[in-house]
Amino acid sequence: MQPLPRLILATRNAHKTAEIRAMIGDRFEVMDATAFPELPEIAETGTTFLENARLKAEGVSHRVAGWVLSDDSGLEVDALGGAPGVWSSSFGGEEGNHSKNNARLLSEMAGKMDRTARFRCTMVLARDGAEQANFTGNVQGRLVDALHGSGGFGYDPLFIPDGHAQTFAELGDEIKNQLSHRARALEQVIKFLIESD
């Protein structure tokens, strides 16, 4: 049997790796940056999702062979002029602290009537240190005014996707992985990889 093609994710985020691995299934051998301890941390100094995804994909693909996939994603809230956007993971003042991020979002949204928002994900595929393609997926929805559900991560307990009555944290991984911003971008990535094979 031929070995599966390798796809290396430019992340050390276990939640993100698990989500992508579940969505890709058995088409690729999915690894992430934790498999390469010598890889340096790549600073996300971009001001857009695309810039950050490109920095990570190209940075990692300079150092490892094969396809490298990175993504940058976040929540865009209309009443906040698109914030937290590219700063979603540090919105509460501490990188990756979901409770602080959610607390600040709830505080900023207090009393606001417009609750529309979207999760946006931009993915970049790179090889040999250069971007080969990029893809974007988003999912529209609205914010609730209190945390609901214990699944998912990040802003999932505050976001109800259009067409549903429960938050991503209540809907569970199987449903979230079918309609999330990451799923929509990844669908395009898989199509590209299969056609490039």
C-alpha atoms as a PDB file:
ATOM      1  CA  MET A   1       0.000   0.000   0.000  1.00  0.00           C
ATOM      2  CA  GLN A   2       1.247   3.456  -0.880  1.00  0.00           C
ATOM      3  CA  PRO A   3       1.888   5.787   2.058  1.00  0.00           C
ATOM      4  CA  LEU A   4      -0.575   8.651   2.469  1.00  0.00           C
ATOM      5  CA  PRO A   5       0.611  12.067   1.304  1.00  0.00           C
ATOM      6  CA  ARG A   6       1.799  14.150   4.243  1.00  0.00           C
ATOM      7  CA  LEU A   7       0.177  17.431   5.234  1.00  0.00           C
ATOM      8  CA  ILE A   8       1.976  19.445   7.901  1.00  0.00           C
ATOM      9  CA  LEU A   9      -0.046  21.990   9.842  1.00  0.00           C
ATOM     10  CA  ALA A  10       1.856  25.119  10.847  1.00  0.00           C
ATOM     11  CA  THR A  11       0.327  25.123  14.331  1.00  0.00           C
ATOM     12  CA  ARG A  12       0.901  23.799  17.839  1.00  0.00           C
ATOM     13  CA  ASN A  13      -2.774  24.314  18.711  1.00  0.00           C
ATOM     14  CA  ALA A  14      -4.110  20.849  19.584  1.00  0.00           C
ATOM     15  CA  HIS A  15      -7.769  21.943  19.130  1.00  0.00           C
ATOM     16  CA  LYS A  16      -7.057  23.192  15.609  1.00  0.00           C
ATOM     17  CA  THR A  17      -5.095  20.038  14.676  1.00  0.00           C
ATOM     18  CA  ALA A  18      -7.876  17.766  15.972  1.00  0.00           C
ATOM     19  CA  GLU A  19     -10.521  19.721  14.034  1.00  0.00           C
ATOM     20  CA  ILE A  20      -8.564  19.619  10.769  1.00  0.00           C
ATOM     21  CA  ARG A  21      -7.625  15.940  11.213  1.00  0.00           C
ATOM     22  CA  ALA A  22     -11.305  15.044  11.772  1.00  0.00           C
ATOM     23  CA  MET A  23     -12.357  16.984   8.662  1.00  0.00           C
ATOM     24  CA  ILE A  24      -9.620  15.544   6.411  1.00  0.00           C
ATOM     25  CA  GLY A  25     -10.247  11.959   7.456  1.00  0.00           C
ATOM     26  CA  ASP A  26      -7.880   9.383   5.942  1.00  0.00           C
ATOM     27  CA  ARG A  27      -6.911  11.259   2.767  1.00  0.00           C
ATOM     28  CA  PHE A  28      -3.633  12.572   4.242  1.00  0.00           C
ATOM     29  CA  GLU A  29      -1.267  11.863   7.081  1.00  0.00           C
ATOM     30  CA  VAL A  30      -1.838  15.012   9.150  1.00  0.00           C
ATOM     31  CA  MET A  31       1.006  16.220  11.387  1.00  0.00           C
ATOM     32  CA  ASP A  32       1.562  19.528  13.108  1.00  0.00           C
ATOM     33  CA  ALA A  33       4.490  21.597  14.338  1.00  0.00           C
ATOM     34  CA  THR A  34       4.728  19.569  17.569  1.00  0.00           C
ATOM     35  CA  ALA A  35       6.256  16.743  15.460  1.00  0.00           C
ATOM     36  CA  PHE A  36       9.176  19.071  14.641  1.00  0.00           C
ATOM     37  CA  PRO A  37      10.582  20.372  17.950  1.00  0.00           C
ATOM     38  CA  GLU A  38      13.341  22.267  16.108  1.00  0.00           C
ATOM     39  CA  LEU A  39      10.797  24.576  14.420  1.00  0.00           C
ATOM     40  CA  PRO A  40      10.928  28.090  15.840  1.00  0.00           C
ATOM     41  CA  GLU A  41       7.801  30.001  16.891  1.00  0.00           C
ATOM     42  CA  ILE A  42       6.747  32.223  13.999  1.00  0.00           C
ATOM     43  CA  ALA A  43       5.524  35.636  15.104  1.00  0.00           C
ATOM     44  CA  GLU A  44       2.137  36.586  13.693  1.00  0.00           C
ATOM     45  CA  THR A  45       2.986  40.190  12.869  1.00  0.00           C
ATOM     46  CA  GLY A  46       0.478  40.595  10.016  1.00  0.00           C
ATOM     47  CA  THR A  47      -2.572  42.823  10.198  1.00  0.00           C
ATOM     48  CA  THR A  48      -4.798  40.482   8.155  1.00  0.00           C
ATOM     49  CA  PHE A  49      -5.646  36.786   8.367  1.00  0.00           C
ATOM     50  CA  LEU A  50      -3.929  36.231   4.995  1.00  0.00           C
ATOM     51  CA  GLU A  51      -0.671  37.907   6.078  1.00  0.00           C
ATOM     52  CA  ASN A  52      -0.467  35.820   9.268  1.00  0.00           C
ATOM     53  CA  ALA A  53      -1.354  32.558   7.508  1.00  0.00           C
ATOM     54  CA  ARG A  54       1.275  33.279   4.846  1.00  0.00           C
ATOM     55  CA  LEU A  55       3.982  34.047   7.440  1.00  0.00           C
ATOM     56  CA  LYS A  56       3.363  30.717   9.178  1.00  0.00           C
ATOM     57  CA  ALA A  57       3.025  28.548   6.047  1.00  0.00           C
ATOM     58  CA  GLU A  58       6.109  29.935   4.332  1.00  0.00           C
ATOM     59  CA  GLY A  59       8.131  30.013   7.583  1.00  0.00           C
ATOM     60  CA  VAL A  60       7.490  26.321   8.289  1.00  0.00           C
ATOM     61  CA  SER A  61       7.806  25.182   4.671  1.00  0.00           C
ATOM     62  CA  HIS A  62      11.334  26.631   4.503  1.00  0.00           C
ATOM     63  CA  ARG A  63      12.276  24.032   7.109  1.00  0.00           C
ATOM     64  CA  VAL A  64      10.214  20.892   6.354  1.00  0.00           C
ATOM     65  CA  ALA A  65       9.540  18.958   3.140  1.00  0.00           C
ATOM     66  CA  GLY A  66       6.087  18.573   1.636  1.00  0.00           C
ATOM     67  CA  TRP A  67       2.833  20.486   1.805  1.00  0.00           C
ATOM     68  CA  VAL A  68       2.467  22.893   4.711  1.00  0.00           C
ATOM     69  CA  LEU A  69      -0.943  24.276   5.620  1.00  0.00           C
ATOM     70  CA  SER A  70      -1.533  27.178   7.942  1.00  0.00           C
ATOM     71  CA  ASP A  71      -4.590  29.107   8.871  1.00  0.00           C
ATOM     72  CA  ASP A  72      -5.432  32.284  10.650  1.00  0.00           C
ATOM     73  CA  SER A  73      -8.955  32.778  11.768  1.00  0.00           C
ATOM     74  CA  GLY A  74     -11.101  34.800  14.063  1.00  0.00           C
ATOM     75  CA  LEU A  75     -14.399  36.385  14.858  1.00  0.00           C
ATOM     76  CA  GLU A  76     -15.585  39.565  13.130  1.00  0.00           C
ATOM     77  CA  VAL A  77     -18.373  41.421  14.946  1.00  0.00           C
ATOM     78  CA  ASP A  78     -20.289  44.016  12.949  1.00  0.00           C
ATOM     79  CA  ALA A  79     -21.227  46.181  15.954  1.00  0.00           C
ATOM     80  CA  LEU A  80     -17.507  46.370  16.853  1.00  0.00           C
ATOM     81  CA  GLY A  81     -16.378  47.399  13.360  1.00  0.00           C
ATOM     82  CA  GLY A  82     -15.034  43.906  12.585  1.00  0.00           C
ATOM     83  CA  ALA A  83     -13.185  43.447  15.900  1.00  0.00           C
ATOM     84  CA  PRO A  84     -11.724  41.340  17.387  1.00  0.00           C
ATOM     85  CA  GLY A  85     -10.773  40.046  13.904  1.00  0.00           C
ATOM     86  CA  VAL A  86      -7.087  39.240  13.535  1.00  0.00           C
ATOM     87  CA  TRP A  87      -6.619  39.834  17.296  1.00  0.00           C
ATOM     88  CA  SER A  88      -9.321  37.320  18.304  1.00  0.00           C
ATOM     89  CA  SER A  89      -6.996  35.082  20.331  1.00  0.00           C
ATOM     90  CA  SER A  90      -5.637  37.971  22.443  1.00  0.00           C
ATOM     91  CA  PHE A  91      -8.762  40.156  22.649  1.00  0.00           C
ATOM     92  CA  GLY A  92      -8.998  39.731  26.426  1.00  0.00           C
ATOM     93  CA  GLY A  93      -5.386  40.852  26.951  1.00  0.00           C
ATOM     94  CA  GLU A  94      -3.744  37.436  27.251  1.00  0.00           C
ATOM     95  CA  GLU A  95      -2.930  35.269  24.216  1.00  0.00           C
ATOM     96  CA  GLY A  96      -5.129  32.163  24.036  1.00  0.00           C
ATOM     97  CA  ASN A  97      -7.132  32.872  27.205  1.00  0.00           C
ATOM     98  CA  HIS A  98     -10.647  31.932  26.048  1.00  0.00           C
ATOM     99  CA  SER A  99     -12.420  33.038  29.245  1.00  0.00           C
ATOM    100  CA  LYS A 100     -10.842  36.501  29.166  1.00  0.00           C
ATOM    101  CA  ASN A 101     -11.596  36.846  25.446  1.00  0.00           C
ATOM    102  CA  ASN A 102     -15.240  35.868  25.962  1.00  0.00           C
ATOM    103  CA  ALA A 103     -15.567  38.147  29.008  1.00  0.00           C
ATOM    104  CA  ARG A 104     -14.294  41.148  27.041  1.00  0.00           C
ATOM    105  CA  LEU A 105     -16.568  40.348  24.093  1.00  0.00           C
ATOM    106  CA  LEU A 106     -19.609  40.117  26.382  1.00  0.00           C
ATOM    107  CA  SER A 107     -18.652  43.409  28.003  1.00  0.00           C
ATOM    108  CA  GLU A 108     -18.136  45.199  24.632  1.00  0.00           C
ATOM    109  CA  MET A 109     -21.464  43.858  23.326  1.00  0.00           C
ATOM    110  CA  ALA A 110     -23.522  44.827  26.395  1.00  0.00           C
ATOM    111  CA  GLY A 111     -26.588  46.760  25.274  1.00  0.00           C
ATOM    112  CA  LYS A 112     -25.826  46.464  21.547  1.00  0.00           C
ATOM    113  CA  MET A 113     -28.789  45.546  19.348  1.00  0.00           C
ATOM    114  CA  ASP A 114     -26.813  44.425  16.279  1.00  0.00           C
ATOM    115  CA  ARG A 115     -25.554  40.944  17.180  1.00  0.00           C
ATOM    116  CA  THR A 116     -24.430  39.853  13.675  1.00  0.00           C
ATOM    117  CA  ALA A 117     -20.968  38.335  13.377  1.00  0.00           C
ATOM    118  CA  ARG A 118     -18.990  35.845  11.359  1.00  0.00           C
ATOM    119  CA  PHE A 119     -16.106  33.483  11.873  1.00  0.00           C
ATOM    120  CA  ARG A 120     -13.561  33.864   9.069  1.00  0.00           C
ATOM    121  CA  CYS A 121     -10.710  31.506   8.242  1.00  0.00           C
ATOM    122  CA  THR A 122      -7.938  32.054   5.707  1.00  0.00           C
ATOM    123  CA  MET A 123      -5.698  29.106   4.835  1.00  0.00           C
ATOM    124  CA  VAL A 124      -2.401  29.156   2.962  1.00  0.00           C
ATOM    125  CA  LEU A 125      -0.727  26.143   1.358  1.00  0.00           C
ATOM    126  CA  ALA A 126       3.029  26.435   0.910  1.00  0.00           C
ATOM    127  CA  ARG A 127       5.823  24.266  -0.408  1.00  0.00           C
ATOM    128  CA  ASP A 128       9.592  24.869  -0.428  1.00  0.00           C
ATOM    129  CA  GLY A 129       9.158  28.193   1.362  1.00  0.00           C
ATOM    130  CA  ALA A 130       6.648  29.714  -1.059  1.00  0.00           C
ATOM    131  CA  GLU A 131       2.882  30.136  -1.004  1.00  0.00           C
ATOM    132  CA  GLN A 132       1.155  27.940  -3.594  1.00  0.00           C
ATOM    133  CA  ALA A 133      -2.474  28.947  -2.964  1.00  0.00           C
ATOM    134  CA  ASN A 134      -4.782  30.547  -0.404  1.00  0.00           C
ATOM    135  CA  PHE A 135      -8.426  29.952   0.494  1.00  0.00           C
ATOM    136  CA  THR A 136     -11.041  31.654   2.662  1.00  0.00           C
ATOM    137  CA  GLY A 137     -14.147  30.312   4.364  1.00  0.00           C
ATOM    138  CA  ASN A 138     -16.624  32.048   6.616  1.00  0.00           C
ATOM    139  CA  VAL A 139     -19.782  31.272   8.518  1.00  0.00           C
ATOM    140  CA  GLN A 140     -22.364  33.940   9.348  1.00  0.00           C
ATOM    141  CA  GLY A 141     -24.271  34.013  12.596  1.00  0.00           C
ATOM    142  CA  ARG A 142     -25.137  36.017  15.659  1.00  0.00           C
ATOM    143  CA  LEU A 143     -23.854  36.457  19.181  1.00  0.00           C
ATOM    144  CA  VAL A 144     -25.752  35.565  22.329  1.00  0.00           C
ATOM    145  CA  ASP A 145     -25.417  37.495  25.589  1.00  0.00           C
ATOM    146  CA  ALA A 146     -24.242  34.614  27.810  1.00  0.00           C
ATOM    147  CA  LEU A 147     -22.080  31.499  27.407  1.00  0.00           C
ATOM    148  CA  HIS A 148     -24.008  28.413  26.235  1.00  0.00           C
ATOM    149  CA  GLY A 149     -22.580  24.902  25.939  1.00  0.00           C
ATOM    150  CA  SER A 150     -19.342  23.221  26.926  1.00  0.00           C
ATOM    151  CA  GLY A 151     -18.040  21.968  23.567  1.00  0.00           C
ATOM    152  CA  GLY A 152     -15.696  23.601  21.090  1.00  0.00           C
ATOM    153  CA  PHE A 153     -13.255  26.326  22.100  1.00  0.00           C
ATOM    154  CA  GLY A 154     -12.695  30.056  21.795  1.00  0.00           C
ATOM    155  CA  TYR A 155     -15.867  32.035  21.078  1.00  0.00           C
ATOM    156  CA  ASP A 156     -17.936  28.906  20.289  1.00  0.00           C
ATOM    157  CA  PRO A 157     -20.191  29.300  23.399  1.00  0.00           C
ATOM    158  CA  LEU A 158     -21.272  32.782  22.214  1.00  0.00           C
ATOM    159  CA  PHE A 159     -21.856  32.155  18.487  1.00  0.00           C
ATOM    160  CA  ILE A 160     -25.011  30.748  16.878  1.00  0.00           C
ATOM    161  CA  PRO A 161     -24.493  29.971  13.169  1.00  0.00           C
ATOM    162  CA  ASP A 162     -27.269  31.031  10.775  1.00  0.00           C
ATOM    163  CA  GLY A 163     -29.936  28.351  10.382  1.00  0.00           C
ATOM    164  CA  HIS A 164     -29.420  26.999  13.917  1.00  0.00           C
ATOM    165  CA  ALA A 165     -30.794  27.750  17.371  1.00  0.00           C
ATOM    166  CA  GLN A 166     -27.763  26.599  19.388  1.00  0.00           C
ATOM    167  CA  THR A 167     -24.195  27.844  19.752  1.00  0.00           C
ATOM    168  CA  PHE A 168     -21.248  26.010  18.204  1.00  0.00           C
ATOM    169  CA  ALA A 169     -20.412  24.862  21.762  1.00  0.00           C
ATOM    170  CA  GLU A 170     -23.853  23.208  22.028  1.00  0.00           C
ATOM    171  CA  LEU A 171     -24.054  21.796  18.496  1.00  0.00           C
ATOM    172  CA  GLY A 172     -21.050  19.496  18.978  1.00  0.00           C
ATOM    173  CA  ASP A 173     -17.980  18.815  16.862  1.00  0.00           C
ATOM    174  CA  GLU A 174     -19.681  16.752  14.170  1.00  0.00           C
ATOM    175  CA  ILE A 175     -22.097  19.523  13.152  1.00  0.00           C
ATOM    176  CA  LYS A 176     -19.550  22.304  13.704  1.00  0.00           C
ATOM    177  CA  ASN A 177     -17.021  20.510  11.490  1.00  0.00           C
ATOM    178  CA  GLN A 178     -19.568  20.402   8.654  1.00  0.00           C
ATOM    179  CA  LEU A 179     -20.392  24.094   8.578  1.00  0.00           C
ATOM    180  CA  SER A 180     -17.559  25.995  10.239  1.00  0.00           C
ATOM    181  CA  HIS A 181     -15.384  28.622   8.575  1.00  0.00           C
ATOM    182  CA  ARG A 182     -12.443  26.212   8.838  1.00  0.00           C
ATOM    183  CA  ALA A 183     -14.443  23.396   7.185  1.00  0.00           C
ATOM    184  CA  ARG A 184     -15.371  25.679   4.290  1.00  0.00           C
ATOM    185  CA  ALA A 185     -11.776  26.756   3.685  1.00  0.00           C
ATOM    186  CA  LEU A 186     -10.463  23.211   4.124  1.00  0.00           C
ATOM    187  CA  GLU A 187     -12.889  21.840   1.539  1.00  0.00           C
ATOM    188  CA  GLN A 188     -11.179  24.090  -1.039  1.00  0.00           C
ATOM    189  CA  VAL A 189      -7.715  23.047   0.205  1.00  0.00           C
ATOM    190  CA  ILE A 190      -8.520  19.325  -0.191  1.00  0.00           C
ATOM    191  CA  LYS A 191      -9.882  19.887  -3.708  1.00  0.00           C
ATOM    192  CA  PHE A 192      -6.704  21.783  -4.644  1.00  0.00           C
ATOM    193  CA  LEU A 193      -4.424  19.069  -3.209  1.00  0.00           C
ATOM    194  CA  ILE A 194      -6.299  16.250  -4.956  1.00  0.00           C
ATOM    195  CA  GLU A 195      -6.165  18.107  -8.281  1.00  0.00           C
ATOM    196  CA  SER A 196      -2.430  18.879  -7.815  1.00  0.00           C
ATOM    197  CA  ASP A 197      -1.534  15.282  -7.031  1.00  0.00           C
END
